[in-house]
Protein backbone atom coordinates (compact mmCIF):
# COMPACT_ATOMS: atom_id res chain seq x y z
CA MET A 1 25.43 16.10 4.21
CA ASN A 2 23.53 13.27 2.60
CA LYS A 3 20.55 13.96 0.40
CA ILE A 4 17.22 12.23 0.10
CA PHE A 5 15.10 12.72 -2.99
CA VAL A 6 11.51 11.65 -2.38
CA ILE A 7 9.50 11.33 -5.57
CA THR A 8 5.77 10.65 -5.48
CA GLY A 9 2.78 10.86 -7.77
CA PRO A 10 0.16 8.55 -9.19
CA ALA A 11 0.98 5.35 -11.05
CA GLY A 12 2.22 6.06 -14.56
CA VAL A 13 3.38 9.62 -13.93
CA GLY A 14 7.09 8.80 -14.35
CA LYS A 15 8.33 8.29 -10.79
CA SER A 16 10.58 5.36 -11.66
CA THR A 17 12.01 6.98 -14.78
CA ILE A 18 12.85 10.26 -13.05
CA SER A 19 14.11 8.53 -9.90
CA LEU A 20 16.52 6.38 -11.91
CA LYS A 21 17.81 9.44 -13.80
CA ILE A 22 18.41 11.31 -10.53
CA ALA A 23 20.14 8.32 -8.90
CA GLU A 24 22.39 7.80 -11.91
CA SER A 25 23.44 11.46 -11.81
CA LEU A 26 24.66 11.35 -8.20
CA ASP A 27 28.21 10.34 -7.29
CA LYS A 28 27.22 7.76 -4.67
CA SER A 29 23.55 6.86 -4.56
CA VAL A 30 20.94 4.20 -3.95
CA LEU A 31 17.56 3.97 -5.65
CA VAL A 32 14.83 2.64 -3.36
CA GLU A 33 11.77 1.67 -5.39
CA GLY A 34 8.92 1.56 -2.90
CA ASP A 35 6.96 -0.91 -5.02
CA ASP A 36 9.85 -3.37 -4.84
CA ILE A 37 9.91 -3.14 -1.04
CA TYR A 38 6.13 -3.51 -0.76
CA HIS A 39 6.16 -6.57 -3.03
CA LEU A 40 8.72 -8.37 -0.87
CA VAL A 41 5.76 -9.88 0.96
CA GLN A 42 4.52 -12.92 -0.92
CA GLY A 43 2.50 -15.08 1.47
CA GLY A 44 -0.33 -12.99 2.85
CA TYR A 45 0.15 -10.19 0.32
CA ILE A 46 -2.58 -7.52 0.52
CA ALA A 47 -2.74 -4.57 -1.89
CA PRO A 48 -1.70 -1.32 -0.16
CA TRP A 49 -5.10 0.34 -0.66
CA LEU A 50 -6.96 -2.51 1.10
CA PRO A 51 -7.57 -2.93 4.84
CA ASN A 52 -5.11 -4.99 6.91
CA ASN A 53 -2.30 -4.40 4.41
CA HIS A 54 1.37 -4.65 5.37
CA LEU A 55 2.21 -0.94 5.15
CA PRO A 56 3.62 -0.90 8.72
CA LEU A 57 6.21 -3.53 7.69
CA PHE A 58 6.82 -1.66 4.44
CA TRP A 59 7.60 1.58 6.30
CA ASP A 60 9.88 -0.16 8.82
CA ASN A 61 11.81 -1.67 5.91
CA CYS A 62 11.99 1.54 3.86
CA LEU A 63 13.12 3.73 6.73
CA ASP A 64 15.75 1.16 7.76
CA ILE A 65 17.08 0.86 4.20
CA ILE A 66 17.24 4.64 3.81
CA SER A 67 18.97 4.95 7.19
CA ASN A 68 21.53 2.25 6.35
CA CYS A 69 22.33 3.92 3.04
CA LEU A 70 22.71 7.39 4.56
CA ASN A 71 24.89 5.98 7.38
CA ASN A 72 27.18 4.50 4.73
CA GLY A 73 27.54 7.76 2.83
CA TYR A 74 25.02 7.22 0.06
CA ASP A 75 22.45 9.70 -1.17
CA VAL A 76 19.01 8.09 -1.52
CA VAL A 77 16.35 8.43 -4.17
CA PHE A 78 13.06 6.97 -2.90
CA ASN A 79 9.84 6.74 -4.85
CA TYR A 80 6.41 5.51 -3.92
CA ILE A 81 2.83 6.77 -3.83
CA LEU A 82 2.89 8.85 -0.63
CA ASN A 83 0.52 10.95 1.42
CA LYS A 84 1.28 13.84 3.80
CA ASN A 85 1.67 11.51 6.80
CA ASP A 86 4.21 9.43 4.91
CA ILE A 87 6.41 12.41 4.11
CA LYS A 88 6.21 13.42 7.78
CA LYS A 89 7.58 9.96 8.72
CA ILE A 90 10.57 10.57 6.49
CA LYS A 91 11.17 14.11 7.77
CA ASP A 92 10.90 12.98 11.40
CA LYS A 93 13.24 10.02 10.90
CA PHE A 94 15.92 12.04 9.08
CA PRO A 95 15.86 15.58 10.53
CA LYS A 96 19.49 16.31 9.53
CA ALA A 97 19.25 15.13 5.94
CA GLU A 98 18.68 17.46 3.03
CA ILE A 99 15.34 16.28 1.64
CA LYS A 100 13.87 17.22 -1.71
CA PHE A 101 10.23 16.21 -2.00
CA VAL A 102 8.57 16.25 -5.41
CA VAL A 103 4.98 15.41 -6.31
CA LEU A 104 4.88 14.63 -10.03
CA LEU A 105 1.51 15.35 -11.61
CA VAL A 106 0.14 15.41 -15.14
CA ASP A 107 -3.22 15.94 -16.80
CA GLU A 108 -5.65 13.05 -17.41
CA LYS A 109 -4.82 12.76 -21.10
CA THR A 110 -1.09 12.48 -20.40
CA ILE A 111 -1.43 9.85 -17.67
CA THR A 112 -3.71 7.77 -19.88
CA GLU A 113 -1.20 7.94 -22.73
CA ARG A 114 1.75 7.12 -20.45
CA ASP A 115 -0.13 4.23 -18.85
CA LYS A 116 -0.69 2.67 -22.28
CA LEU A 117 3.08 2.77 -22.92
CA ARG A 118 3.74 0.54 -19.90
CA PRO A 119 3.98 -3.24 -20.31
CA LEU A 120 0.49 -4.73 -20.38
CA ASP A 121 0.88 -6.40 -16.96
CA CYS A 122 1.90 -3.03 -15.43
CA GLN A 123 -0.90 -0.90 -16.88
CA MET A 124 -3.18 0.59 -14.25
CA GLY A 125 -6.09 1.76 -16.42
CA GLU A 126 -8.82 3.40 -14.35
CA ARG A 127 -6.73 3.07 -11.15
CA ALA A 128 -4.19 5.54 -12.62
CA LEU A 129 -6.95 8.14 -13.03
CA ILE A 130 -8.27 7.49 -9.52
CA LEU A 131 -4.78 7.98 -8.08
CA LEU A 132 -4.27 11.11 -10.18
CA LYS A 133 -7.47 12.67 -8.83
CA SER A 134 -6.50 11.66 -5.30
CA MET A 135 -3.08 13.31 -5.68
CA HIS A 136 -4.61 16.48 -7.10
CA ASN A 137 -6.86 16.64 -4.01
CA SER A 138 -4.18 15.72 -1.45
CA ASN A 139 -3.30 19.29 -0.40
CA PHE A 140 0.44 18.88 -0.83
CA ASP A 141 2.30 22.18 -0.62
CA LYS A 142 2.22 23.81 -4.06
CA SER A 143 5.99 24.33 -3.93
CA ASN A 144 6.46 20.55 -4.03
CA ILE A 145 4.23 19.95 -7.05
CA LEU A 146 5.73 19.61 -10.50
CA ASP A 147 3.37 19.26 -13.46
CA THR A 148 5.23 17.31 -16.14
CA SER A 149 2.39 17.09 -18.68
CA HIS A 150 4.41 19.01 -21.24
CA SER A 151 7.94 18.33 -20.00
CA THR A 152 10.55 15.92 -21.22
CA ILE A 153 12.38 13.57 -18.88
CA GLU A 154 15.46 15.79 -19.16
CA GLU A 155 13.49 18.97 -18.34
CA THR A 156 11.87 17.31 -15.34
CA PHE A 157 15.21 16.00 -14.11
CA LYS A 158 16.90 19.41 -14.41
CA GLU A 159 14.02 21.13 -12.59
CA ILE A 160 14.25 18.72 -9.64
CA ILE A 161 18.05 18.80 -9.38
CA SER A 162 18.42 22.56 -9.70
CA ASN A 163 15.39 23.94 -7.89
CA ASP A 164 15.60 24.40 -4.12
CA LYS A 165 11.86 25.03 -3.90
CA PHE A 166 11.49 21.26 -3.42
CA LEU A 167 13.51 21.27 -0.18
CA ILE A 168 11.47 20.46 2.91
């Protein structure tokens, strides 16, 4: 059975780093970076938090890519800033897949420090804190939340790979 790892959390929490580590550890896998899919749109681009954005197109593309990969025998690691409705879309589309869903969270000090380590054009500043607060208030199931404030990349990776509490 194919696996889907869905990694979410605010900007700067380590989604891309952990997702890449998971994808590299699997025998046959694809890493789907949600930001890359969203930024395919050039003409008429609207930020995802603004009205009239192109999230419907984004979701059509993501679900099709994930489906194509699974149908060809690949496990999928997908990361993006998600809400509860988004994870429902994934569960509904792939009811037979084994899905691990992880919400990466940290404290404010850690996200600020991590944001400053990003390239200048990728730093989120205040937006990272806004997203962090939003994620803390999103009512995700506690079993899917992983606080990595004091964890290394390796510790976080091992926790996700080995812990079935993240299965949905």
